[in-house]
Amino acid sequence: MKNLPQKVRSKKLNSRVDLTAMVSVSFLLIIFFMVTTELRKDKIVDLSLPEKEEKNEGIIICRLENDYQRKITVLLDENDKIITYSGSLIYSSALPKEYNYGKNGIRKELFERKKTILEYSNAIGKPNSGPIVIIKPSKKSNFKNLVDILDEMTITGIETYAIVDEFTPEESKLLASN
């Protein structure tokens, strides 16, 4: 008999998969997602305002006298105009004042008011009760004014402030008259 060609069988090699690259990629992905979720977390700012005010026959009454003394309202109007008053506009003994931006304007006033309020708070036994600034930009003010007043809050170290877009009728009259 003739030599018949035999089937050639392939030689079985040990197959081994190298997962080193896959492990490196998976660790990079884990680190990436951990960092992005940490950066995405919301930053929370505490905001302590005076106790809720009651409206009684068109008159706004603040419940705590100390919080009433701490409240400073800043009205932003067109042409870089700033008008401030303390407490309630209706019951304020001092007339609203107009200020400019800068070192000798609103910044000086905020530093003085903060010092006075802290001294008063310490005297009545409520230390570290600083001023509460309510910022009210009018529709005629520009975005730069809002950024500038927020910079003034940072420079003067006033920690408690809020931006409100509602004006009382008295505030609207005050802005219209100036």
Protein backbone atom coordinates (compact mmCIF):
# COMPACT_ATOMS: atom_id res chain seq x y z
CA MET A 1 0.00 0.00 0.00
CA LYS A 2 0.93 3.28 -0.78
CA ASN A 3 1.66 5.82 1.79
CA LEU A 4 -1.43 7.85 2.12
CA PRO A 5 -0.91 11.39 3.19
CA GLN A 6 -1.95 11.78 6.73
CA LYS A 7 -4.04 14.62 7.88
CA VAL A 8 -2.01 17.38 9.31
CA ARG A 9 -3.30 18.29 12.66
CA SER A 10 -2.63 21.68 14.09
CA LYS A 11 -0.69 21.80 17.18
CA LYS A 12 -2.71 23.06 20.15
CA LEU A 13 -1.02 25.92 21.90
CA ASN A 14 -1.85 27.05 25.35
CA SER A 15 -3.98 30.11 24.84
CA ARG A 16 -3.41 32.75 27.42
CA VAL A 17 -4.97 36.21 27.43
CA ASP A 18 -2.94 39.06 28.85
CA LEU A 19 -5.33 41.30 30.82
CA THR A 20 -2.75 43.81 31.98
CA ALA A 21 -3.94 46.50 29.59
CA MET A 22 -7.59 45.88 30.51
CA VAL A 23 -6.84 46.27 34.23
CA SER A 24 -5.03 49.55 33.58
CA VAL A 25 -7.94 50.92 31.53
CA SER A 26 -10.49 49.85 34.14
CA PHE A 27 -8.56 51.58 36.94
CA LEU A 28 -8.31 54.74 34.86
CA LEU A 29 -12.07 54.67 34.27
CA ILE A 30 -12.78 54.14 37.97
CA ILE A 31 -10.54 57.07 38.91
CA PHE A 32 -12.13 59.26 36.22
CA PHE A 33 -15.68 58.59 37.43
CA MET A 34 -14.74 59.06 41.08
CA VAL A 35 -13.17 62.45 40.35
CA THR A 36 -16.02 63.67 38.13
CA THR A 37 -18.70 62.72 40.65
CA GLU A 38 -16.77 64.49 43.42
CA LEU A 39 -16.49 67.65 41.32
CA ARG A 40 -20.17 67.50 40.38
CA LYS A 41 -21.44 67.62 43.97
CA ASP A 42 -23.39 70.76 44.81
CA LYS A 43 -21.76 73.24 47.12
CA ILE A 44 -24.19 74.23 49.86
CA VAL A 45 -24.22 77.71 51.34
CA ASP A 46 -26.00 78.38 54.61
CA LEU A 47 -28.37 81.32 54.41
CA SER A 48 -29.75 82.71 57.63
CA LEU A 49 -32.37 85.37 57.10
CA PRO A 50 -34.56 87.08 59.66
CA GLU A 51 -37.51 85.09 60.90
CA LYS A 52 -40.43 85.07 58.52
CA GLU A 53 -42.06 88.45 58.23
CA GLU A 54 -45.78 88.93 58.58
CA LYS A 55 -47.78 91.26 56.39
CA ASN A 56 -50.39 93.02 58.47
CA GLU A 57 -52.57 95.57 56.63
CA GLY A 58 -49.76 96.34 54.17
CA ILE A 59 -47.19 96.81 56.93
CA ILE A 60 -44.27 94.43 57.19
CA ILE A 61 -43.41 93.48 60.75
CA CYS A 62 -40.16 91.70 61.58
CA ARG A 63 -40.47 89.34 64.54
CA LEU A 64 -37.01 89.61 66.06
CA GLU A 65 -35.69 93.03 66.97
CA ASN A 66 -32.10 91.84 66.66
CA ASP A 67 -32.68 90.57 63.12
CA TYR A 68 -34.44 93.82 62.27
CA GLN A 69 -31.34 95.74 63.35
CA ARG A 70 -29.11 93.41 61.31
CA LYS A 71 -30.97 93.83 58.02
CA ILE A 72 -29.41 96.06 55.34
CA THR A 73 -31.18 96.44 52.00
CA VAL A 74 -29.15 97.39 48.93
CA LEU A 75 -31.11 98.61 45.89
CA LEU A 76 -29.23 98.59 42.58
CA ASP A 77 -30.46 101.04 39.96
CA GLU A 78 -29.35 102.29 36.56
CA ASN A 79 -26.16 104.35 36.05
CA ASP A 80 -24.26 102.43 38.79
CA LYS A 81 -26.51 103.88 41.49
CA ILE A 82 -26.71 102.15 44.88
CA ILE A 83 -29.32 103.07 47.48
CA THR A 84 -29.19 101.49 50.94
CA TYR A 85 -31.28 101.57 54.07
CA SER A 86 -31.33 99.61 57.31
CA GLY A 87 -34.26 97.69 58.74
CA SER A 88 -37.63 98.45 57.19
CA LEU A 89 -38.00 101.36 54.78
CA ILE A 90 -41.29 102.40 56.40
CA TYR A 91 -40.00 102.45 60.00
CA SER A 92 -36.38 103.38 59.39
CA SER A 93 -35.32 106.43 61.37
CA ALA A 94 -32.44 107.09 58.96
CA LEU A 95 -33.18 108.16 55.41
CA PRO A 96 -32.00 105.95 52.55
CA LYS A 97 -28.54 106.93 51.30
CA GLU A 98 -27.02 106.81 47.85
CA TYR A 99 -23.51 105.40 47.38
CA ASN A 100 -20.99 104.67 44.66
CA TYR A 101 -18.97 101.51 44.20
CA GLY A 102 -15.46 101.38 45.60
CA LYS A 103 -13.36 101.90 48.67
CA ASN A 104 -14.91 105.18 49.83
CA GLY A 105 -18.45 104.33 48.78
CA ILE A 106 -20.50 101.25 49.58
CA ARG A 107 -17.51 99.32 50.92
CA LYS A 108 -16.86 101.89 53.65
CA GLU A 109 -20.55 101.91 54.61
CA LEU A 110 -20.72 98.10 54.75
CA PHE A 111 -17.59 97.93 56.93
CA GLU A 112 -19.06 100.52 59.35
CA ARG A 113 -22.49 98.84 59.49
CA LYS A 114 -20.90 95.43 60.03
CA LYS A 115 -18.82 96.76 62.91
CA THR A 116 -21.86 98.42 64.51
CA ILE A 117 -24.04 95.33 64.11
CA LEU A 118 -21.38 93.01 65.58
CA GLU A 119 -20.92 95.31 68.59
CA TYR A 120 -24.70 95.43 69.12
CA SER A 121 -25.03 91.64 68.77
CA ASN A 122 -22.23 91.04 71.27
CA ALA A 123 -23.84 93.50 73.70
CA ILE A 124 -27.18 91.64 73.68
CA GLY A 125 -25.52 88.23 74.03
CA LYS A 126 -25.70 86.97 70.46
CA PRO A 127 -22.09 86.93 69.31
CA ASN A 128 -21.19 86.43 65.65
CA SER A 129 -24.58 87.66 64.44
CA GLY A 130 -23.37 89.73 61.53
CA PRO A 131 -25.34 91.79 59.05
CA ILE A 132 -27.95 90.36 56.72
CA VAL A 133 -27.76 92.08 53.33
CA ILE A 134 -30.70 91.90 50.95
CA ILE A 135 -29.57 92.79 47.41
CA LYS A 136 -32.34 93.96 45.10
CA PRO A 137 -31.26 94.68 41.52
CA SER A 138 -33.79 96.68 39.52
CA LYS A 139 -34.65 95.86 35.93
CA LYS A 140 -32.66 98.93 34.87
CA SER A 141 -29.43 97.81 36.59
CA ASN A 142 -26.93 95.77 34.64
CA PHE A 143 -25.20 92.49 35.40
CA LYS A 144 -21.90 94.25 36.15
CA ASN A 145 -23.56 96.06 39.07
CA LEU A 146 -24.67 92.76 40.56
CA VAL A 147 -21.19 91.25 40.19
CA ASP A 148 -19.64 94.38 41.72
CA ILE A 149 -21.91 94.29 44.78
CA LEU A 150 -21.19 90.57 45.25
CA ASP A 151 -17.48 91.43 45.15
CA GLU A 152 -18.11 94.05 47.84
CA MET A 153 -19.79 91.36 50.00
CA THR A 154 -16.66 89.22 49.69
CA ILE A 155 -14.26 92.11 50.37
CA THR A 156 -16.16 93.29 53.45
CA GLY A 157 -16.51 89.73 54.78
CA ILE A 158 -20.31 89.77 54.92
CA GLU A 159 -21.32 86.13 54.86
CA THR A 160 -25.11 86.39 54.93
CA TYR A 161 -26.69 87.94 51.88
CA ALA A 162 -29.43 87.16 49.41
CA ILE A 163 -30.46 88.39 45.99
CA VAL A 164 -34.17 89.22 45.79
CA ASP A 165 -36.01 90.47 42.73
CA GLU A 166 -39.20 91.71 44.42
CA PHE A 167 -39.60 95.34 45.36
CA THR A 168 -42.03 96.76 47.88
CA PRO A 169 -44.17 99.68 46.65
CA GLU A 170 -42.10 102.03 48.85
CA GLU A 171 -38.87 100.81 47.26
CA SER A 172 -40.30 101.26 43.77
CA LYS A 173 -41.28 104.85 44.66
CA LEU A 174 -37.80 105.47 46.09
CA LEU A 175 -36.12 104.27 42.90
CA ALA A 176 -38.51 106.28 40.73
CA SER A 177 -37.84 109.47 42.71
CA ASN A 178 -34.05 109.17 42.36
